[in-house]
Amino acid sequence: RRVLQTVSMIVHNLVTNPTEEKYREVNIASARFRETFGTPSSGAAELLQLAGFECREQSFVFPAGRSLDDAERVRDFMQDALRECDQRWEQACAEDEKPLAEPTSGALPPAASGAESGGGTSPTGATGSLPTPAAPAA
């Protein structure tokens, strides 16, 4: 996610400030580039190239006079992907917050038995790390 956000920001800055040289070049030899993207042949590098950046020596350069069409398309695609990622994350978090539905098969969910987390309340109401064994049949 961090890589997508960073590439999206690089391309967005280029598209919104196409005449500023600092947004037309990405130094791939820098420690920051390696920390964020890994190697110059990573997926991030491919996204930059799809946006129109060209690999030259120790940097990716967006050539002067080149159309911003590809960069705009890549920016829009990445921003849509990030929004979708955020929506899925929010949806997953909301689902985690919902109370568990009552079991319909008569089986207890793992959390109710204490087996999953190693604690909690057993089916007999005892607390501890293991469920209390049932009394032997007479």
C-alpha atoms as a PDB file:
ATOM      1  CA  ARG A   1       0.000   0.000   0.000  1.00  0.00           C
ATOM      2  CA  ARG A   2       2.786   2.419   0.890  1.00  0.00           C
ATOM      3  CA  VAL A   3       4.427   1.816  -2.484  1.00  0.00           C
ATOM      4  CA  LEU A   4       1.184   2.545  -4.342  1.00  0.00           C
ATOM      5  CA  GLN A   5       0.653   5.709  -2.316  1.00  0.00           C
ATOM      6  CA  THR A   6       4.173   6.914  -3.046  1.00  0.00           C
ATOM      7  CA  VAL A   7       4.026   6.178  -6.783  1.00  0.00           C
ATOM      8  CA  SER A   8       0.591   7.797  -6.910  1.00  0.00           C
ATOM      9  CA  MET A   9       1.987  10.897  -5.203  1.00  0.00           C
ATOM     10  CA  ILE A  10       4.983  11.049  -7.605  1.00  0.00           C
ATOM     11  CA  VAL A  11       2.736  10.811 -10.665  1.00  0.00           C
ATOM     12  CA  HIS A  12       0.142  13.184  -9.200  1.00  0.00           C
ATOM     13  CA  ASN A  13       2.837  15.796  -8.520  1.00  0.00           C
ATOM     14  CA  LEU A  14       4.057  15.448 -12.108  1.00  0.00           C
ATOM     15  CA  VAL A  15       0.556  15.803 -13.568  1.00  0.00           C
ATOM     16  CA  THR A  16      -0.353  18.823 -11.423  1.00  0.00           C
ATOM     17  CA  ASN A  17       3.066  20.524 -11.850  1.00  0.00           C
ATOM     18  CA  PRO A  18       4.356  19.364 -15.261  1.00  0.00           C
ATOM     19  CA  THR A  19       6.790  22.254 -15.714  1.00  0.00           C
ATOM     20  CA  GLU A  20       8.579  21.803 -12.379  1.00  0.00           C
ATOM     21  CA  GLU A  21      11.779  19.818 -12.927  1.00  0.00           C
ATOM     22  CA  LYS A  22      11.801  18.354  -9.421  1.00  0.00           C
ATOM     23  CA  TYR A  23       8.652  16.377 -10.248  1.00  0.00           C
ATOM     24  CA  ARG A  24      10.040  15.121 -13.552  1.00  0.00           C
ATOM     25  CA  GLU A  25      12.870  13.063 -12.070  1.00  0.00           C
ATOM     26  CA  VAL A  26      13.070  10.274  -9.490  1.00  0.00           C
ATOM     27  CA  ASN A  27      16.518   9.355  -8.141  1.00  0.00           C
ATOM     28  CA  ILE A  28      16.664   5.552  -7.992  1.00  0.00           C
ATOM     29  CA  ALA A  29      20.107   5.512  -6.383  1.00  0.00           C
ATOM     30  CA  SER A  30      18.856   7.184  -3.210  1.00  0.00           C
ATOM     31  CA  ALA A  31      18.419   5.312   0.060  1.00  0.00           C
ATOM     32  CA  ARG A  32      14.850   6.610   0.218  1.00  0.00           C
ATOM     33  CA  PHE A  33      14.007   5.012  -3.135  1.00  0.00           C
ATOM     34  CA  ARG A  34      15.498   1.668  -2.029  1.00  0.00           C
ATOM     35  CA  GLU A  35      13.670   1.801   1.332  1.00  0.00           C
ATOM     36  CA  THR A  36      10.328   2.556  -0.293  1.00  0.00           C
ATOM     37  CA  PHE A  37      10.491   0.579  -3.548  1.00  0.00           C
ATOM     38  CA  GLY A  38      13.304  -1.931  -3.217  1.00  0.00           C
ATOM     39  CA  THR A  39      15.149  -2.418  -6.478  1.00  0.00           C
ATOM     40  CA  PRO A  40      14.902  -0.242  -9.598  1.00  0.00           C
ATOM     41  CA  SER A  41      13.267  -3.219 -11.328  1.00  0.00           C
ATOM     42  CA  SER A  42      10.391  -3.444  -8.823  1.00  0.00           C
ATOM     43  CA  GLY A  43       6.689  -3.118  -9.571  1.00  0.00           C
ATOM     44  CA  ALA A  44       6.927   0.549  -8.615  1.00  0.00           C
ATOM     45  CA  ALA A  45       9.474   1.096 -11.358  1.00  0.00           C
ATOM     46  CA  GLU A  46       7.130  -0.564 -13.841  1.00  0.00           C
ATOM     47  CA  LEU A  47       4.316   1.767 -12.780  1.00  0.00           C
ATOM     48  CA  LEU A  48       6.587   4.787 -13.270  1.00  0.00           C
ATOM     49  CA  GLN A  49       7.479   3.526 -16.742  1.00  0.00           C
ATOM     50  CA  LEU A  50       3.792   2.986 -17.571  1.00  0.00           C
ATOM     51  CA  ALA A  51       3.236   6.614 -16.551  1.00  0.00           C
ATOM     52  CA  GLY A  52       5.868   7.692 -19.077  1.00  0.00           C
ATOM     53  CA  PHE A  53       9.043   7.909 -16.996  1.00  0.00           C
ATOM     54  CA  GLU A  54      12.178   6.588 -18.691  1.00  0.00           C
ATOM     55  CA  CYS A  55      15.057   4.929 -16.871  1.00  0.00           C
ATOM     56  CA  ARG A  56      18.248   6.920 -17.405  1.00  0.00           C
ATOM     57  CA  GLU A  57      21.406   6.038 -15.472  1.00  0.00           C
ATOM     58  CA  GLN A  58      20.490   6.593 -11.794  1.00  0.00           C
ATOM     59  CA  SER A  59      17.005   8.053 -12.211  1.00  0.00           C
ATOM     60  CA  PHE A  60      13.613   7.843 -13.830  1.00  0.00           C
ATOM     61  CA  VAL A  61      12.996  10.918 -15.962  1.00  0.00           C
ATOM     62  CA  PHE A  62       9.770  12.143 -17.502  1.00  0.00           C
ATOM     63  CA  PRO A  63      10.901  13.615 -20.843  1.00  0.00           C
ATOM     64  CA  ALA A  64      10.112  17.253 -21.601  1.00  0.00           C
ATOM     65  CA  GLY A  65       7.424  17.586 -24.235  1.00  0.00           C
ATOM     66  CA  ARG A  66       5.977  14.150 -23.534  1.00  0.00           C
ATOM     67  CA  SER A  67       2.188  13.939 -23.265  1.00  0.00           C
ATOM     68  CA  LEU A  68       0.774  13.562 -19.767  1.00  0.00           C
ATOM     69  CA  ASP A  69      -1.975  11.202 -20.987  1.00  0.00           C
ATOM     70  CA  ASP A  70      -0.254   8.019 -19.767  1.00  0.00           C
ATOM     71  CA  ALA A  71       0.693   9.659 -16.468  1.00  0.00           C
ATOM     72  CA  GLU A  72      -2.900  10.788 -15.901  1.00  0.00           C
ATOM     73  CA  ARG A  73      -4.208   7.292 -16.686  1.00  0.00           C
ATOM     74  CA  VAL A  74      -1.760   5.646 -14.281  1.00  0.00           C
ATOM     75  CA  ARG A  75      -2.503   8.231 -11.575  1.00  0.00           C
ATOM     76  CA  ASP A  76      -6.250   7.693 -11.920  1.00  0.00           C
ATOM     77  CA  PHE A  77      -5.843   3.909 -11.882  1.00  0.00           C
ATOM     78  CA  MET A  78      -3.683   3.996  -8.752  1.00  0.00           C
ATOM     79  CA  GLN A  79      -5.996   6.405  -6.953  1.00  0.00           C
ATOM     80  CA  ASP A  80      -8.962   4.143  -7.763  1.00  0.00           C
ATOM     81  CA  ALA A  81      -7.006   1.125  -6.482  1.00  0.00           C
ATOM     82  CA  LEU A  82      -6.128   2.950  -3.258  1.00  0.00           C
ATOM     83  CA  ARG A  83      -9.753   4.015  -2.730  1.00  0.00           C
ATOM     84  CA  GLU A  84     -10.922   0.445  -3.289  1.00  0.00           C
ATOM     85  CA  CYS A  85      -8.288  -0.806  -0.856  1.00  0.00           C
ATOM     86  CA  ASP A  86      -9.494   1.698   1.751  1.00  0.00           C
ATOM     87  CA  GLN A  87     -13.127   0.691   1.222  1.00  0.00           C
ATOM     88  CA  ARG A  88     -12.304  -3.000   1.603  1.00  0.00           C
ATOM     89  CA  TRP A  89     -10.302  -2.274   4.744  1.00  0.00           C
ATOM     90  CA  GLU A  90     -13.169  -0.269   6.248  1.00  0.00           C
ATOM     91  CA  GLN A  91     -15.614  -3.023   5.312  1.00  0.00           C
ATOM     92  CA  ALA A  92     -13.411  -5.693   6.922  1.00  0.00           C
ATOM     93  CA  CYS A  93     -13.051  -3.612  10.082  1.00  0.00           C
ATOM     94  CA  ALA A  94     -16.809  -3.066  10.241  1.00  0.00           C
ATOM     95  CA  GLU A  95     -17.403  -6.813   9.862  1.00  0.00           C
ATOM     96  CA  ASP A  96     -14.949  -7.511  12.695  1.00  0.00           C
ATOM     97  CA  GLU A  97     -16.936  -5.184  14.964  1.00  0.00           C
ATOM     98  CA  LYS A  98     -20.264  -6.946  14.355  1.00  0.00           C
ATOM     99  CA  PRO A  99     -21.336  -9.331  17.122  1.00  0.00           C
ATOM    100  CA  LEU A 100     -21.153 -12.988  16.222  1.00  0.00           C
ATOM    101  CA  ALA A 101     -24.443 -14.442  15.048  1.00  0.00           C
ATOM    102  CA  GLU A 102     -26.065 -17.134  17.151  1.00  0.00           C
ATOM    103  CA  PRO A 103     -24.865 -20.559  16.004  1.00  0.00           C
ATOM    104  CA  THR A 104     -27.569 -22.461  14.159  1.00  0.00           C
ATOM    105  CA  SER A 105     -25.993 -25.911  14.277  1.00  0.00           C
ATOM    106  CA  GLY A 106     -25.767 -26.038  18.051  1.00  0.00           C
ATOM    107  CA  ALA A 107     -21.968 -25.817  17.935  1.00  0.00           C
ATOM    108  CA  LEU A 108     -20.249 -23.107  19.876  1.00  0.00           C
ATOM    109  CA  PRO A 109     -17.928 -20.716  18.039  1.00  0.00           C
ATOM    110  CA  PRO A 110     -14.231 -21.180  18.978  1.00  0.00           C
ATOM    111  CA  ALA A 111     -14.140 -17.938  20.993  1.00  0.00           C
ATOM    112  CA  ALA A 112     -16.989 -19.117  23.205  1.00  0.00           C
ATOM    113  CA  SER A 113     -15.187 -22.362  24.032  1.00  0.00           C
ATOM    114  CA  GLY A 114     -11.928 -20.616  24.904  1.00  0.00           C
ATOM    115  CA  ALA A 115     -10.068 -22.874  22.485  1.00  0.00           C
ATOM    116  CA  GLU A 116      -9.064 -20.184  20.003  1.00  0.00           C
ATOM    117  CA  SER A 117      -7.656 -17.539  22.299  1.00  0.00           C
ATOM    118  CA  GLY A 118      -6.559 -19.759  25.153  1.00  0.00           C
ATOM    119  CA  GLY A 119      -8.910 -17.998  27.563  1.00  0.00           C
ATOM    120  CA  GLY A 120     -12.426 -16.814  27.987  1.00  0.00           C
ATOM    121  CA  THR A 121     -15.466 -18.665  29.222  1.00  0.00           C
ATOM    122  CA  SER A 122     -15.978 -22.385  28.670  1.00  0.00           C
ATOM    123  CA  PRO A 123     -19.317 -23.881  27.615  1.00  0.00           C
ATOM    124  CA  THR A 124     -19.957 -24.667  31.299  1.00  0.00           C
ATOM    125  CA  GLY A 125     -19.288 -21.071  32.370  1.00  0.00           C
ATOM    126  CA  ALA A 126     -15.818 -21.625  33.868  1.00  0.00           C
ATOM    127  CA  THR A 127     -12.992 -19.300  32.984  1.00  0.00           C
ATOM    128  CA  GLY A 128      -9.455 -20.352  32.163  1.00  0.00           C
ATOM    129  CA  SER A 129      -7.311 -21.544  29.362  1.00  0.00           C
ATOM    130  CA  LEU A 130      -9.073 -24.867  28.836  1.00  0.00           C
ATOM    131  CA  PRO A 131     -12.751 -25.720  28.904  1.00  0.00           C
ATOM    132  CA  THR A 132     -13.906 -27.535  32.037  1.00  0.00           C
ATOM    133  CA  PRO A 133     -14.395 -31.222  31.225  1.00  0.00           C
ATOM    134  CA  ALA A 134     -17.921 -32.559  31.495  1.00  0.00           C
ATOM    135  CA  ALA A 135     -18.742 -34.705  34.502  1.00  0.00           C
ATOM    136  CA  PRO A 136     -18.554 -38.438  33.836  1.00  0.00           C
ATOM    137  CA  ALA A 137     -21.848 -40.116  33.042  1.00  0.00           C
ATOM    138  CA  ALA A 138     -23.322 -42.100  35.944  1.00  0.00           C
END
